Amino acid sequence: MAKRVELKPEWLNTDQVKDLYSVSNCTSKDFADYIEFWKHNGYWLFDSPEVINDLAKEHGIDMSGTRMFYYEVYEYQCYEDEPEWEEFEPEKSFETNVKVPREKVLEGFDVVSLYNGNAPECSYLSCNHMAQELKVNKHCLLSSLEEAKAHLENKAFDGCEPGPCRIFAVYSVPENA
């Protein structure tokens, strides 16, 4: 996904965050309202930067000021108030053939609601202000998959956006990678 990364908003009352690398589109916006083009995969994201760049060229979307991210999603999901893990799969009606970038830098882990069951929605860490209560890095992300799972299993996100929710590893992708 190509995103327009925003600095920490004033409403997020924590000094540990510099900017938001969240999977969520709520503050750090996606490069476009891409769903209408129907070029996404079964995770409602994209298989490669090339697909995004081709889409931008085809529709005259300005990509200046965007950063490219690669996401790996944990294969289980749960609910914020009922932390029992269940498997999920990408939407079968979309072709999913994700290309792993040659270069990628792990930035941390985000926990994201998917109330509608398809596209990632709100980040519990930023959108739900949980970064004010939990230890996060400067990009408003958790340090490990184990930490994200433990917070969910301990119901740290109970009362946040309704689930199901999923854990995403967030990687930045250098230009030309």
Protein backbone atom coordinates (compact mmCIF):
# COMPACT_ATOMS: atom_id res chain seq x y z
CA MET A 1 0.00 0.00 0.00
CA ALA A 2 1.16 3.51 -0.72
CA LYS A 3 0.27 5.90 2.10
CA ARG A 4 0.55 9.57 2.96
CA VAL A 5 2.19 9.30 6.37
CA GLU A 6 1.01 11.93 8.84
CA LEU A 7 2.79 13.26 11.89
CA LYS A 8 1.27 12.42 15.26
CA PRO A 9 -2.04 14.27 15.54
CA GLU A 10 -2.60 16.56 18.51
CA TRP A 11 -5.47 14.38 19.76
CA LEU A 12 -3.09 11.44 20.34
CA ASN A 13 -1.76 12.34 23.77
CA THR A 14 1.59 10.52 23.93
CA ASP A 15 5.21 11.56 23.51
CA GLN A 16 6.34 8.15 22.27
CA VAL A 17 4.83 8.63 18.77
CA LYS A 18 6.35 10.74 15.97
CA ASP A 19 4.18 9.66 13.03
CA LEU A 20 1.58 7.04 12.09
CA TYR A 21 2.55 4.02 10.00
CA SER A 22 -0.78 2.38 10.79
CA VAL A 23 -2.49 0.08 8.32
CA SER A 24 -5.62 2.15 8.93
CA ASN A 25 -6.66 4.79 6.41
CA CYS A 26 -8.08 7.05 9.14
CA THR A 27 -5.12 9.45 9.60
CA SER A 28 -2.28 8.33 7.32
CA LYS A 29 -4.35 8.10 4.17
CA ASP A 30 -4.03 5.55 1.38
CA PHE A 31 -2.80 6.94 -1.93
CA ALA A 32 -6.39 6.98 -3.24
CA ASP A 33 -9.89 5.70 -2.65
CA TYR A 34 -8.78 2.57 -4.48
CA ILE A 35 -11.71 0.21 -3.88
CA GLU A 36 -13.66 1.73 -6.79
CA PHE A 37 -10.97 0.53 -9.24
CA TRP A 38 -11.28 -3.15 -8.19
CA LYS A 39 -7.55 -3.88 -8.63
CA HIS A 40 -6.97 -4.97 -5.02
CA ASN A 41 -6.43 -8.54 -3.90
CA GLY A 42 -8.36 -10.77 -1.49
CA TYR A 43 -6.87 -8.96 1.51
CA TRP A 44 -8.25 -5.70 0.04
CA LEU A 45 -4.67 -4.50 -0.42
CA PHE A 46 -2.33 -4.84 -3.42
CA ASP A 47 -0.10 -7.62 -4.68
CA SER A 48 2.83 -5.33 -5.55
CA PRO A 49 3.97 -1.71 -5.85
CA GLU A 50 3.72 -2.11 -9.63
CA VAL A 51 -0.05 -2.62 -9.42
CA ILE A 52 -0.35 0.59 -7.36
CA ASN A 53 1.91 2.58 -9.67
CA ASP A 54 0.09 1.35 -12.79
CA LEU A 55 -3.25 2.26 -11.22
CA ALA A 56 -1.96 5.72 -10.34
CA LYS A 57 -0.72 6.32 -13.91
CA GLU A 58 -3.92 5.02 -15.46
CA HIS A 59 -6.11 7.29 -13.34
CA GLY A 60 -3.83 10.33 -12.98
CA ILE A 61 -3.32 9.88 -9.23
CA ASP A 62 -0.58 12.06 -7.77
CA MET A 63 1.82 9.80 -5.87
CA SER A 64 4.07 12.57 -4.57
CA GLY A 65 4.38 12.50 -0.81
CA THR A 66 3.52 8.80 -0.51
CA ARG A 67 5.53 6.03 1.12
CA MET A 68 5.28 2.40 0.11
CA PHE A 69 4.47 -0.26 2.70
CA TYR A 70 4.32 -4.04 2.63
CA TYR A 71 2.10 -5.90 5.09
CA GLU A 72 2.13 -9.46 6.35
CA VAL A 73 -1.02 -10.44 8.20
CA TYR A 74 -1.07 -13.04 10.96
CA GLU A 75 -3.16 -15.97 9.73
CA TYR A 76 -5.55 -15.85 12.70
CA GLN A 77 -8.02 -13.22 13.80
CA CYS A 78 -10.02 -12.70 16.98
CA TYR A 79 -12.45 -10.27 18.54
CA GLU A 80 -11.28 -7.55 20.90
CA ASP A 81 -13.69 -8.71 23.61
CA GLU A 82 -13.54 -12.48 22.88
CA PRO A 83 -9.89 -13.36 22.21
CA GLU A 84 -10.34 -16.81 20.72
CA TRP A 85 -8.23 -17.18 17.60
CA GLU A 86 -9.84 -18.33 14.36
CA GLU A 87 -8.29 -18.85 10.95
CA PHE A 88 -9.25 -16.62 8.05
CA GLU A 89 -8.41 -16.52 4.36
CA PRO A 90 -8.32 -13.80 1.74
CA GLU A 91 -11.57 -13.16 -0.13
CA LYS A 92 -11.67 -15.93 -2.74
CA SER A 93 -13.44 -13.87 -5.41
CA PHE A 94 -10.25 -11.77 -5.85
CA GLU A 95 -6.99 -13.10 -7.22
CA THR A 96 -4.29 -12.87 -4.56
CA ASN A 97 -0.69 -13.23 -5.68
CA VAL A 98 1.38 -11.08 -3.31
CA LYS A 99 4.96 -10.32 -4.40
CA VAL A 100 7.36 -9.97 -1.47
CA PRO A 101 9.60 -6.90 -2.02
CA ARG A 102 13.34 -7.48 -2.54
CA GLU A 103 14.00 -5.00 0.26
CA LYS A 104 11.80 -4.29 3.24
CA VAL A 105 12.31 -2.92 6.74
CA LEU A 106 10.19 -4.18 9.62
CA GLU A 107 8.74 -1.14 11.40
CA GLY A 108 6.45 -2.91 13.90
CA PHE A 109 3.01 -4.47 14.31
CA ASP A 110 -0.45 -2.91 14.10
CA VAL A 111 -3.74 -4.32 15.39
CA VAL A 112 -6.60 -3.39 13.09
CA SER A 113 -10.37 -3.87 13.15
CA LEU A 114 -12.16 -5.39 10.17
CA TYR A 115 -15.78 -5.00 11.26
CA ASN A 116 -16.99 -5.30 7.66
CA GLY A 117 -14.79 -8.37 7.19
CA ASN A 118 -12.85 -7.17 4.17
CA ALA A 119 -10.67 -4.02 4.12
CA PRO A 120 -8.62 -2.97 7.16
CA GLU A 121 -10.46 -0.29 9.12
CA CYS A 122 -9.32 1.33 12.39
CA SER A 123 -6.03 0.82 14.21
CA TYR A 124 -6.55 0.19 17.89
CA LEU A 125 -3.22 1.89 18.62
CA SER A 126 -3.88 5.20 16.88
CA CYS A 127 -7.60 5.54 16.10
CA ASN A 128 -8.60 4.20 19.51
CA HIS A 129 -5.82 6.05 21.40
CA MET A 130 -4.36 2.84 22.86
CA ALA A 131 -0.86 4.21 22.16
CA GLN A 132 -1.54 6.43 25.16
CA GLU A 133 -1.77 3.33 27.38
CA LEU A 134 0.58 0.81 25.75
CA LYS A 135 4.25 0.94 24.82
CA VAL A 136 4.57 1.66 21.10
CA ASN A 137 7.41 2.84 18.89
CA LYS A 138 7.79 6.20 17.16
CA HIS A 139 5.55 4.99 14.30
CA CYS A 140 2.70 4.03 16.69
CA LEU A 141 3.34 0.30 16.27
CA LEU A 142 4.01 -2.56 18.67
CA SER A 143 7.43 -4.21 18.72
CA SER A 144 6.46 -7.86 18.11
CA LEU A 145 3.76 -10.27 17.04
CA GLU A 146 3.94 -11.87 20.48
CA GLU A 147 3.27 -8.51 22.15
CA ALA A 148 0.28 -7.84 19.88
CA LYS A 149 -1.14 -11.31 20.57
CA ALA A 150 -0.66 -10.89 24.32
CA HIS A 151 -2.49 -7.55 24.32
CA LEU A 152 -5.41 -9.13 22.46
CA GLU A 153 -5.48 -12.23 24.67
CA ASN A 154 -5.41 -10.02 27.78
CA LYS A 155 -8.31 -7.94 26.40
CA ALA A 156 -6.28 -4.72 26.34
CA PHE A 157 -8.39 -3.58 23.36
CA ASP A 158 -11.79 -4.42 24.89
CA GLY A 159 -14.07 -1.42 24.29
CA CYS A 160 -12.25 -0.35 21.12
CA GLU A 161 -13.68 -0.73 17.60
CA PRO A 162 -15.64 -3.95 17.13
CA GLY A 163 -13.77 -6.83 15.53
CA PRO A 164 -12.82 -9.11 14.13
CA CYS A 165 -9.32 -7.75 14.34
CA ARG A 166 -6.08 -8.83 12.75
CA ILE A 167 -2.41 -8.27 13.44
CA PHE A 168 -0.31 -6.84 10.61
CA ALA A 169 3.48 -6.71 10.39
CA VAL A 170 4.24 -3.31 8.86
CA TYR A 171 7.29 -3.00 6.62
CA SER A 172 8.50 0.13 4.86
CA VAL A 173 9.68 -0.47 1.31
CA PRO A 174 12.54 1.67 0.01
CA GLU A 175 11.99 3.37 -3.33
CA ASN A 176 12.97 1.18 -6.28
CA ALA A 177 12.84 -1.98 -4.15
